[in-house]
């Protein structure tokens, strides 16, 4: 049976554990940003940054991950009252990363 993050057949068709963890971390990051939980977002961002090296051979995934991490760093550096614009782009960047994984 599939998880809430993925359809029931996704793992069977080659989503490796590292990629599965990256998807889970990206989804958690999105939840942290939408909940305005800066400390959780930082933890997810750091974990994703640590995993980035495994995607060095895939430029599309590396670029999507870099864009997401840059957006999160921008979001973190923005005053809470002014985060709306930065917050809106995060789900799109996560969706793009997940599609590539």
PDB file of N, CA and C in Angstrom:
ATOM      1  N   UNK A   1       0.837  -1.178   0.000  1.00  0.00           N
ATOM      2  CA  UNK A   1       0.000   0.000   0.000  1.00  0.00           C
ATOM      3  C   UNK A   1       0.882   1.241   0.000  1.00  0.00           C
ATOM      4  N   UNK A   2       0.514   2.302  -0.711  1.00  0.00           N
ATOM      5  CA  UNK A   2       1.326   3.507  -0.836  1.00  0.00           C
ATOM      6  C   UNK A   2       1.200   4.420   0.360  1.00  0.00           C
ATOM      7  N   UNK A   3       2.167   5.286   0.483  1.00  0.00           N
ATOM      8  CA  UNK A   3       2.140   6.265   1.566  1.00  0.00           C
ATOM      9  C   UNK A   3       1.368   7.494   1.123  1.00  0.00           C
ATOM     10  N   UNK A   4       1.186   8.422   2.033  1.00  0.00           N
ATOM     11  CA  UNK A   4       0.501   9.666   1.714  1.00  0.00           C
ATOM     12  C   UNK A   4       1.316  10.516   0.753  1.00  0.00           C
ATOM     13  N   UNK A   5       2.653  10.343   0.740  1.00  0.00           N
ATOM     14  CA  UNK A   5       3.508  11.139  -0.125  1.00  0.00           C
ATOM     15  C   UNK A   5       3.504  10.648  -1.564  1.00  0.00           C
ATOM     16  N   UNK A   6       3.369   9.353  -1.743  1.00  0.00           N
ATOM     17  CA  UNK A   6       3.521   8.765  -3.066  1.00  0.00           C
ATOM     18  C   UNK A   6       2.357   7.849  -3.380  1.00  0.00           C
ATOM     19  N   UNK A   7       2.157   7.626  -4.657  1.00  0.00           N
ATOM     20  CA  UNK A   7       1.151   6.670  -5.075  1.00  0.00           C
ATOM     21  C   UNK A   7       1.610   5.259  -4.768  1.00  0.00           C
ATOM     22  N   UNK A   8       0.721   4.280  -4.835  1.00  0.00           N
ATOM     23  CA  UNK A   8       1.064   2.918  -4.440  1.00  0.00           C
ATOM     24  C   UNK A   8       2.130   2.265  -5.307  1.00  0.00           C
ATOM     25  N   UNK A   9       2.332   2.712  -6.534  1.00  0.00           N
ATOM     26  CA  UNK A   9       3.267   2.049  -7.429  1.00  0.00           C
ATOM     27  C   UNK A   9       4.601   2.784  -7.543  1.00  0.00           C
ATOM     28  N   UNK A  10       4.748   3.960  -6.980  1.00  0.00           N
ATOM     29  CA  UNK A  10       5.936   4.768  -7.208  1.00  0.00           C
ATOM     30  C   UNK A  10       7.223   4.074  -6.786  1.00  0.00           C
ATOM     31  N   UNK A  11       7.260   3.457  -5.633  1.00  0.00           N
ATOM     32  CA  UNK A  11       8.493   2.840  -5.163  1.00  0.00           C
ATOM     33  C   UNK A  11       8.873   1.664  -6.057  1.00  0.00           C
ATOM     34  N   UNK A  12       7.907   0.913  -6.471  1.00  0.00           N
ATOM     35  CA  UNK A  12       8.158  -0.254  -7.307  1.00  0.00           C
ATOM     36  C   UNK A  12       8.836   0.131  -8.615  1.00  0.00           C
ATOM     37  N   UNK A  13       8.554   1.324  -9.113  1.00  0.00           N
ATOM     38  CA  UNK A  13       9.116   1.744 -10.386  1.00  0.00           C
ATOM     39  C   UNK A  13      10.423   2.505 -10.241  1.00  0.00           C
ATOM     40  N   UNK A  14      11.142   2.294  -9.147  1.00  0.00           N
ATOM     41  CA  UNK A  14      12.516   2.759  -9.088  1.00  0.00           C
ATOM     42  C   UNK A  14      12.800   3.972  -8.231  1.00  0.00           C
ATOM     43  N   UNK A  15      11.943   4.374  -7.347  1.00  0.00           N
ATOM     44  CA  UNK A  15      12.269   5.478  -6.465  1.00  0.00           C
ATOM     45  C   UNK A  15      13.157   4.923  -5.365  1.00  0.00           C
ATOM     46  N   UNK A  16      14.452   5.176  -5.479  1.00  0.00           N
ATOM     47  CA  UNK A  16      15.421   4.644  -4.516  1.00  0.00           C
ATOM     48  C   UNK A  16      15.231   5.282  -3.148  1.00  0.00           C
ATOM     49  N   UNK A  17      15.698   4.608  -2.104  1.00  0.00           N
ATOM     50  CA  UNK A  17      15.512   5.136  -0.747  1.00  0.00           C
ATOM     51  C   UNK A  17      16.025   6.561  -0.556  1.00  0.00           C
ATOM     52  N   UNK A  18      17.176   6.923  -1.145  1.00  0.00           N
ATOM     53  CA  UNK A  18      17.686   8.290  -1.032  1.00  0.00           C
ATOM     54  C   UNK A  18      16.744   9.299  -1.652  1.00  0.00           C
ATOM     55  N   UNK A  19      16.166   8.910  -2.760  1.00  0.00           N
ATOM     56  CA  UNK A  19      15.208   9.798  -3.422  1.00  0.00           C
ATOM     57  C   UNK A  19      13.907   9.863  -2.626  1.00  0.00           C
ATOM     58  N   UNK A  20      13.514   8.742  -2.067  1.00  0.00           N
ATOM     59  CA  UNK A  20      12.312   8.715  -1.239  1.00  0.00           C
ATOM     60  C   UNK A  20      12.490   9.625  -0.026  1.00  0.00           C
ATOM     61  N   UNK A  21      13.657   9.563   0.602  1.00  0.00           N
ATOM     62  CA  UNK A  21      13.941  10.435   1.741  1.00  0.00           C
ATOM     63  C   UNK A  21      13.944  11.898   1.309  1.00  0.00           C
ATOM     64  N   UNK A  22      14.496  12.191   0.141  1.00  0.00           N
ATOM     65  CA  UNK A  22      14.509  13.568  -0.359  1.00  0.00           C
ATOM     66  C   UNK A  22      13.099  14.093  -0.577  1.00  0.00           C
ATOM     67  N   UNK A  23      12.230  13.247  -1.101  1.00  0.00           N
ATOM     68  CA  UNK A  23      10.827  13.644  -1.295  1.00  0.00           C
ATOM     69  C   UNK A  23      10.186  13.937   0.059  1.00  0.00           C
ATOM     70  N   UNK A  24      10.407  13.059   1.030  1.00  0.00           N
ATOM     71  CA  UNK A  24       9.829  13.258   2.359  1.00  0.00           C
ATOM     72  C   UNK A  24      10.366  14.539   3.001  1.00  0.00           C
ATOM     73  N   UNK A  25      11.661  14.797   2.856  1.00  0.00           N
ATOM     74  CA  UNK A  25      12.246  16.015   3.410  1.00  0.00           C
ATOM     75  C   UNK A  25      11.696  17.259   2.723  1.00  0.00           C
ATOM     76  N   UNK A  26      11.549  17.198   1.405  1.00  0.00           N
ATOM     77  CA  UNK A  26      11.000  18.347   0.673  1.00  0.00           C
ATOM     78  C   UNK A  26       9.566  18.623   1.103  1.00  0.00           C
ATOM     79  N   UNK A  27       8.777  17.577   1.266  1.00  0.00           N
ATOM     80  CA  UNK A  27       7.391  17.755   1.714  1.00  0.00           C
ATOM     81  C   UNK A  27       7.360  18.330   3.137  1.00  0.00           C
ATOM     82  N   UNK A  28       8.226  17.823   4.011  1.00  0.00           N
ATOM     83  CA  UNK A  28       8.304  18.355   5.371  1.00  0.00           C
ATOM     84  C   UNK A  28       8.724  19.817   5.378  1.00  0.00           C
ATOM     85  N   UNK A  29       9.649  20.159   4.488  1.00  0.00           N
ATOM     86  CA  UNK A  29      10.085  21.540   4.353  1.00  0.00           C
ATOM     87  C   UNK A  29       8.914  22.431   3.953  1.00  0.00           C
ATOM     88  N   UNK A  30       8.131  21.966   3.007  1.00  0.00           N
ATOM     89  CA  UNK A  30       6.953  22.728   2.590  1.00  0.00           C
ATOM     90  C   UNK A  30       5.974  22.939   3.730  1.00  0.00           C
ATOM     91  N   UNK A  31       5.766  21.895   4.525  1.00  0.00           N
ATOM     92  CA  UNK A  31       4.874  22.012   5.686  1.00  0.00           C
ATOM     93  C   UNK A  31       5.421  23.013   6.701  1.00  0.00           C
ATOM     94  N   UNK A  32       6.733  22.982   6.918  1.00  0.00           N
ATOM     95  CA  UNK A  32       7.348  23.909   7.870  1.00  0.00           C
ATOM     96  C   UNK A  32       7.194  25.354   7.399  1.00  0.00           C
ATOM     97  N   UNK A  33       7.403  25.583   6.103  1.00  0.00           N
ATOM     98  CA  UNK A  33       7.274  26.933   5.563  1.00  0.00           C
ATOM     99  C   UNK A  33       5.828  27.403   5.644  1.00  0.00           C
ATOM    100  N   UNK A  34       4.893  26.546   5.254  1.00  0.00           N
ATOM    101  CA  UNK A  34       3.490  26.961   5.298  1.00  0.00           C
ATOM    102  C   UNK A  34       3.017  27.186   6.729  1.00  0.00           C
ATOM    103  N   UNK A  35       3.628  26.496   7.691  1.00  0.00           N
ATOM    104  CA  UNK A  35       3.303  26.700   9.101  1.00  0.00           C
ATOM    105  C   UNK A  35       4.158  27.769   9.751  1.00  0.00           C
ATOM    106  N   UNK A  36       5.024  28.402   8.965  1.00  0.00           N
ATOM    107  CA  UNK A  36       5.907  29.464   9.436  1.00  0.00           C
ATOM    108  C   UNK A  36       6.788  28.997  10.594  1.00  0.00           C
ATOM    109  N   UNK A  37       7.227  27.738  10.510  1.00  0.00           N
ATOM    110  CA  UNK A  37       8.068  27.138  11.543  1.00  0.00           C
ATOM    111  C   UNK A  37       9.523  27.225  11.082  1.00  0.00           C
ATOM    112  N   UNK A  38      10.174  28.305  11.462  1.00  0.00           N
ATOM    113  CA  UNK A  38      11.522  28.586  10.974  1.00  0.00           C
ATOM    114  C   UNK A  38      12.539  27.542  11.421  1.00  0.00           C
ATOM    115  N   UNK A  39      12.433  27.060  12.644  1.00  0.00           N
ATOM    116  CA  UNK A  39      13.423  26.085  13.113  1.00  0.00           C
ATOM    117  C   UNK A  39      13.264  24.744  12.395  1.00  0.00           C
ATOM    118  N   UNK A  40      12.032  24.306  12.156  1.00  0.00           N
ATOM    119  CA  UNK A  40      11.814  23.059  11.411  1.00  0.00           C
ATOM    120  C   UNK A  40      12.280  23.226   9.964  1.00  0.00           C
ATOM    121  N   UNK A  41      11.980  24.372   9.362  1.00  0.00           N
ATOM    122  CA  UNK A  41      12.414  24.631   7.985  1.00  0.00           C
ATOM    123  C   UNK A  41      13.933  24.569   7.898  1.00  0.00           C
ATOM    124  N   UNK A  42      14.616  25.106   8.903  1.00  0.00           N
ATOM    125  CA  UNK A  42      16.075  25.070   8.909  1.00  0.00           C
ATOM    126  C   UNK A  42      16.595  23.635   9.008  1.00  0.00           C
ATOM    127  N   UNK A  43      15.964  22.822   9.834  1.00  0.00           N
ATOM    128  CA  UNK A  43      16.387  21.414   9.953  1.00  0.00           C
ATOM    129  C   UNK A  43      16.196  20.675   8.623  1.00  0.00           C
ATOM    130  N   UNK A  44      15.028  20.867   7.989  1.00  0.00           N
ATOM    131  CA  UNK A  44      14.786  20.215   6.701  1.00  0.00           C
ATOM    132  C   UNK A  44      15.765  20.724   5.641  1.00  0.00           C
ATOM    133  N   UNK A  45      16.021  22.018   5.642  1.00  0.00           N
ATOM    134  CA  UNK A  45      16.949  22.598   4.668  1.00  0.00           C
ATOM    135  C   UNK A  45      18.340  22.007   4.842  1.00  0.00           C
ATOM    136  N   UNK A  46      18.817  21.900   6.076  1.00  0.00           N
ATOM    137  CA  UNK A  46      20.139  21.341   6.325  1.00  0.00           C
ATOM    138  C   UNK A  46      20.222  19.886   5.881  1.00  0.00           C
ATOM    139  N   UNK A  47      19.185  19.104   6.149  1.00  0.00           N
ATOM    140  CA  UNK A  47      19.185  17.691   5.731  1.00  0.00           C
ATOM    141  C   UNK A  47      19.193  17.567   4.205  1.00  0.00           C
ATOM    142  N   UNK A  48      18.396  18.385   3.535  1.00  0.00           N
ATOM    143  CA  UNK A  48      18.392  18.356   2.072  1.00  0.00           C
ATOM    144  C   UNK A  48      19.746  18.782   1.518  1.00  0.00           C
ATOM    145  N   UNK A  49      20.360  19.775   2.127  1.00  0.00           N
ATOM    146  CA  UNK A  49      21.678  20.237   1.677  1.00  0.00           C
ATOM    147  C   UNK A  49      22.703  19.105   1.822  1.00  0.00           C
ATOM    148  N   UNK A  50      22.615  18.333   2.908  1.00  0.00           N
ATOM    149  CA  UNK A  50      23.542  17.218   3.105  1.00  0.00           C
ATOM    150  C   UNK A  50      23.355  16.143   2.034  1.00  0.00           C
ATOM    151  N   UNK A  51      22.149  15.984   1.534  1.00  0.00           N
ATOM    152  CA  UNK A  51      21.865  14.953   0.533  1.00  0.00           C
ATOM    153  C   UNK A  51      22.144  15.415  -0.891  1.00  0.00           C
ATOM    154  N   UNK A  52      22.393  16.691  -1.079  1.00  0.00           N
ATOM    155  CA  UNK A  52      22.521  17.261  -2.427  1.00  0.00           C
ATOM    156  C   UNK A  52      23.596  16.573  -3.258  1.00  0.00           C
ATOM    157  N   UNK A  53      24.673  16.123  -2.637  1.00  0.00           N
ATOM    158  CA  UNK A  53      25.772  15.508  -3.378  1.00  0.00           C
ATOM    159  C   UNK A  53      25.380  14.274  -4.156  1.00  0.00           C
ATOM    160  N   UNK A  54      24.387  13.548  -3.694  1.00  0.00           N
ATOM    161  CA  UNK A  54      23.997  12.336  -4.405  1.00  0.00           C
ATOM    162  C   UNK A  54      23.317  12.636  -5.743  1.00  0.00           C
ATOM    163  N   UNK A  55      22.975  13.902  -5.972  1.00  0.00           N
ATOM    164  CA  UNK A  55      22.315  14.271  -7.226  1.00  0.00           C
ATOM    165  C   UNK A  55      23.245  15.025  -8.168  1.00  0.00           C
ATOM    166  N   UNK A  56      24.550  15.050  -7.859  1.00  0.00           N
ATOM    167  CA  UNK A  56      25.514  15.777  -8.694  1.00  0.00           C
ATOM    168  C   UNK A  56      25.538  15.287 -10.130  1.00  0.00           C
ATOM    169  N   UNK A  57      25.210  14.036 -10.356  1.00  0.00           N
ATOM    170  CA  UNK A  57      25.234  13.496 -11.718  1.00  0.00           C
ATOM    171  C   UNK A  57      23.958  13.811 -12.493  1.00  0.00           C
ATOM    172  N   UNK A  58      22.998  14.432 -11.840  1.00  0.00           N
ATOM    173  CA  UNK A  58      21.749  14.800 -12.498  1.00  0.00           C
ATOM    174  C   UNK A  58      21.571  16.317 -12.396  1.00  0.00           C
ATOM    175  N   UNK A  59      22.021  17.060 -13.424  1.00  0.00           N
ATOM    176  CA  UNK A  59      21.994  18.523 -13.355  1.00  0.00           C
ATOM    177  C   UNK A  59      20.591  19.104 -13.139  1.00  0.00           C
ATOM    178  N   UNK A  60      19.569  18.484 -13.697  1.00  0.00           N
ATOM    179  CA  UNK A  60      18.207  19.016 -13.536  1.00  0.00           C
ATOM    180  C   UNK A  60      17.766  18.939 -12.077  1.00  0.00           C
ATOM    181  N   UNK A  61      18.047  17.814 -11.427  1.00  0.00           N
ATOM    182  CA  UNK A  61      17.684  17.659 -10.015  1.00  0.00           C
ATOM    183  C   UNK A  61      18.532  18.593  -9.156  1.00  0.00           C
ATOM    184  N   UNK A  62      19.824  18.670  -9.439  1.00  0.00           N
ATOM    185  CA  UNK A  62      20.706  19.556  -8.676  1.00  0.00           C
ATOM    186  C   UNK A  62      20.248  21.001  -8.763  1.00  0.00           C
ATOM    187  N   UNK A  63      19.885  21.427  -9.961  1.00  0.00           N
ATOM    188  CA  UNK A  63      19.422  22.810 -10.147  1.00  0.00           C
ATOM    189  C   UNK A  63      18.108  23.049  -9.407  1.00  0.00           C
ATOM    190  N   UNK A  64      17.167  22.111  -9.506  1.00  0.00           N
ATOM    191  CA  UNK A  64      15.889  22.261  -8.812  1.00  0.00           C
ATOM    192  C   UNK A  64      16.094  22.310  -7.297  1.00  0.00           C
ATOM    193  N   UNK A  65      16.995  21.470  -6.789  1.00  0.00           N
ATOM    194  CA  UNK A  65      17.279  21.457  -5.360  1.00  0.00           C
ATOM    195  C   UNK A  65      17.952  22.762  -4.937  1.00  0.00           C
ATOM    196  N   UNK A  66      18.897  23.235  -5.724  1.00  0.00           N
ATOM    197  CA  UNK A  66      19.558  24.511  -5.413  1.00  0.00           C
ATOM    198  C   UNK A  66      18.573  25.667  -5.393  1.00  0.00           C
ATOM    199  N   UNK A  67      17.653  25.680  -6.351  1.00  0.00           N
ATOM    200  CA  UNK A  67      16.642  26.750  -6.379  1.00  0.00           C
ATOM    201  C   UNK A  67      15.752  26.694  -5.151  1.00  0.00           C
ATOM    202  N   UNK A  68      15.353  25.488  -4.748  1.00  0.00           N
ATOM    203  CA  UNK A  68      14.527  25.332  -3.552  1.00  0.00           C
ATOM    204  C   UNK A  68      15.291  25.798  -2.313  1.00  0.00           C
ATOM    205  N   UNK A  69      16.518  25.364  -2.163  1.00  0.00           N
ATOM    206  CA  UNK A  69      17.303  25.748  -0.991  1.00  0.00           C
ATOM    207  C   UNK A  69      17.569  27.247  -0.951  1.00  0.00           C
ATOM    208  N   UNK A  70      17.796  27.849  -2.103  1.00  0.00           N
ATOM    209  CA  UNK A  70      17.973  29.308  -2.166  1.00  0.00           C
ATOM    210  C   UNK A  70      16.700  30.030  -1.751  1.00  0.00           C
ATOM    211  N   UNK A  71      15.560  29.519  -2.212  1.00  0.00           N
ATOM    212  CA  UNK A  71      14.273  30.136  -1.843  1.00  0.00           C
ATOM    213  C   UNK A  71      14.037  30.040  -0.340  1.00  0.00           C
ATOM    214  N   UNK A  72      14.426  28.912   0.252  1.00  0.00           N
ATOM    215  CA  UNK A  72      14.252  28.739   1.695  1.00  0.00           C
ATOM    216  C   UNK A  72      15.173  29.683   2.455  1.00  0.00           C
ATOM    217  N   UNK A  73      16.393  29.835   1.990  1.00  0.00           N
ATOM    218  CA  UNK A  73      17.308  30.770   2.645  1.00  0.00           C
ATOM    219  C   UNK A  73      16.775  32.199   2.548  1.00  0.00           C
ATOM    220  N   UNK A  74      16.203  32.546   1.406  1.00  0.00           N
ATOM    221  CA  UNK A  74      15.586  33.869   1.240  1.00  0.00           C
ATOM    222  C   UNK A  74      14.397  34.012   2.189  1.00  0.00           C
ATOM    223  N   UNK A  75      13.569  32.983   2.261  1.00  0.00           N
ATOM    224  CA  UNK A  75      12.401  32.983   3.150  1.00  0.00           C
ATOM    225  C   UNK A  75      12.845  33.189   4.594  1.00  0.00           C
ATOM    226  N   UNK A  76      13.886  32.481   5.020  1.00  0.00           N
ATOM    227  CA  UNK A  76      14.379  32.591   6.393  1.00  0.00           C
ATOM    228  C   UNK A  76      14.922  33.981   6.703  1.00  0.00           C
ATOM    229  N   UNK A  77      15.531  34.613   5.707  1.00  0.00           N
ATOM    230  CA  UNK A  77      16.135  35.935   5.905  1.00  0.00           C
ATOM    231  C   UNK A  77      15.113  37.062   5.853  1.00  0.00           C
ATOM    232  N   UNK A  78      13.893  36.743   5.442  1.00  0.00           N
ATOM    233  CA  UNK A  78      12.851  37.750   5.296  1.00  0.00           C
ATOM    234  C   UNK A  78      12.085  37.894   6.607  1.00  0.00           C
ATOM    235  N   UNK A  79      11.709  39.128   6.931  1.00  0.00           N
ATOM    236  CA  UNK A  79      10.903  39.362   8.127  1.00  0.00           C
ATOM    237  C   UNK A  79       9.604  38.577   8.015  1.00  0.00           C
ATOM    238  N   UNK A  80       9.133  38.074   9.146  1.00  0.00           N
ATOM    239  CA  UNK A  80       7.939  37.225   9.170  1.00  0.00           C
ATOM    240  C   UNK A  80       6.762  37.892   8.462  1.00  0.00           C
ATOM    241  N   UNK A  81       6.552  39.153   8.685  1.00  0.00           N
ATOM    242  CA  UNK A  81       5.416  39.860   8.088  1.00  0.00           C
ATOM    243  C   UNK A  81       5.543  40.006   6.571  1.00  0.00           C
ATOM    244  N   UNK A  82       6.740  39.814   6.039  1.00  0.00           N
ATOM    245  CA  UNK A  82       6.977  40.007   4.606  1.00  0.00           C
ATOM    246  C   UNK A  82       7.263  38.704   3.863  1.00  0.00           C
ATOM    247  N   UNK A  83       6.988  37.578   4.462  1.00  0.00           N
ATOM    248  CA  UNK A  83       7.335  36.280   3.876  1.00  0.00           C
ATOM    249  C   UNK A  83       6.344  35.761   2.842  1.00  0.00           C
ATOM    250  N   UNK A  84       5.220  36.388   2.671  1.00  0.00           N
ATOM    251  CA  UNK A  84       4.168  35.837   1.821  1.00  0.00           C
ATOM    252  C   UNK A  84       4.673  35.505   0.419  1.00  0.00           C
ATOM    253  N   UNK A  85       5.356  36.444  -0.224  1.00  0.00           N
ATOM    254  CA  UNK A  85       5.812  36.221  -1.601  1.00  0.00           C
ATOM    255  C   UNK A  85       6.808  35.057  -1.673  1.00  0.00           C
ATOM    256  N   UNK A  86       7.771  35.058  -0.758  1.00  0.00           N
ATOM    257  CA  UNK A  86       8.759  33.975  -0.742  1.00  0.00           C
ATOM    258  C   UNK A  86       8.087  32.645  -0.430  1.00  0.00           C
ATOM    259  N   UNK A  87       7.110  32.668   0.457  1.00  0.00           N
ATOM    260  CA  UNK A  87       6.399  31.445   0.855  1.00  0.00           C
ATOM    261  C   UNK A  87       5.606  30.846  -0.299  1.00  0.00           C
ATOM    262  N   UNK A  88       5.060  31.692  -1.159  1.00  0.00           N
ATOM    263  CA  UNK A  88       4.237  31.200  -2.278  1.00  0.00           C
ATOM    264  C   UNK A  88       5.026  30.396  -3.288  1.00  0.00           C
ATOM    265  N   UNK A  89       6.291  30.714  -3.490  1.00  0.00           N
ATOM    266  CA  UNK A  89       7.057  30.002  -4.515  1.00  0.00           C
ATOM    267  C   UNK A  89       7.577  28.653  -4.035  1.00  0.00           C
ATOM    268  N   UNK A  90       7.636  28.435  -2.743  1.00  0.00           N
ATOM    269  CA  UNK A  90       8.187  27.184  -2.209  1.00  0.00           C
ATOM    270  C   UNK A  90       7.419  25.947  -2.695  1.00  0.00           C
ATOM    271  N   UNK A  91       6.076  25.913  -2.624  1.00  0.00           N
ATOM    272  CA  UNK A  91       5.376  24.708  -3.100  1.00  0.00           C
ATOM    273  C   UNK A  91       5.652  24.390  -4.576  1.00  0.00           C
ATOM    274  N   UNK A  92       5.768  25.424  -5.404  1.00  0.00           N
ATOM    275  CA  UNK A  92       6.068  25.196  -6.821  1.00  0.00           C
ATOM    276  C   UNK A  92       7.458  24.583  -6.993  1.00  0.00           C
ATOM    277  N   UNK A  93       8.420  25.082  -6.225  1.00  0.00           N
ATOM    278  CA  UNK A  93       9.780  24.558  -6.309  1.00  0.00           C
ATOM    279  C   UNK A  93       9.848  23.126  -5.784  1.00  0.00           C
ATOM    280  N   UNK A  94       9.095  22.829  -4.744  1.00  0.00           N
ATOM    281  CA  UNK A  94       9.044  21.465  -4.210  1.00  0.00           C
ATOM    282  C   UNK A  94       8.405  20.535  -5.234  1.00  0.00           C
ATOM    283  N   UNK A  95       7.323  20.971  -5.840  1.00  0.00           N
ATOM    284  CA  UNK A  95       6.651  20.148  -6.849  1.00  0.00           C
ATOM    285  C   UNK A  95       7.596  19.826  -8.006  1.00  0.00           C
ATOM    286  N   UNK A  96       8.352  20.814  -8.448  1.00  0.00           N
ATOM    287  CA  UNK A  96       9.298  20.609  -9.543  1.00  0.00           C
ATOM    288  C   UNK A  96      10.380  19.601  -9.134  1.00  0.00           C
ATOM    289  N   UNK A  97      10.924  19.745  -7.935  1.00  0.00           N
ATOM    290  CA  UNK A  97      11.937  18.805  -7.447  1.00  0.00           C
ATOM    291  C   UNK A  97      11.390  17.397  -7.374  1.00  0.00           C
ATOM    292  N   UNK A  98      10.209  17.240  -6.818  1.00  0.00           N
ATOM    293  CA  UNK A  98       9.596  15.905  -6.671  1.00  0.00           C
ATOM    294  C   UNK A  98       9.357  15.278  -8.052  1.00  0.00           C
ATOM    295  N   UNK A  99       8.925  16.073  -9.013  1.00  0.00           N
ATOM    296  CA  UNK A  99       8.737  15.558 -10.377  1.00  0.00           C
ATOM    297  C   UNK A  99      10.038  14.997 -10.946  1.00  0.00           C
ATOM    298  N   UNK A 100      11.142  15.673 -10.668  1.00  0.00           N
ATOM    299  CA  UNK A 100      12.437  15.247 -11.198  1.00  0.00           C
ATOM    300  C   UNK A 100      13.014  14.038 -10.475  1.00  0.00           C
ATOM    301  N   UNK A 101      12.648  13.900  -9.216  1.00  0.00           N
ATOM    302  CA  UNK A 101      13.157  12.756  -8.455  1.00  0.00           C
ATOM    303  C   UNK A 101      12.480  11.493  -8.947  1.00  0.00           C
TER     304      UNK A 101
END
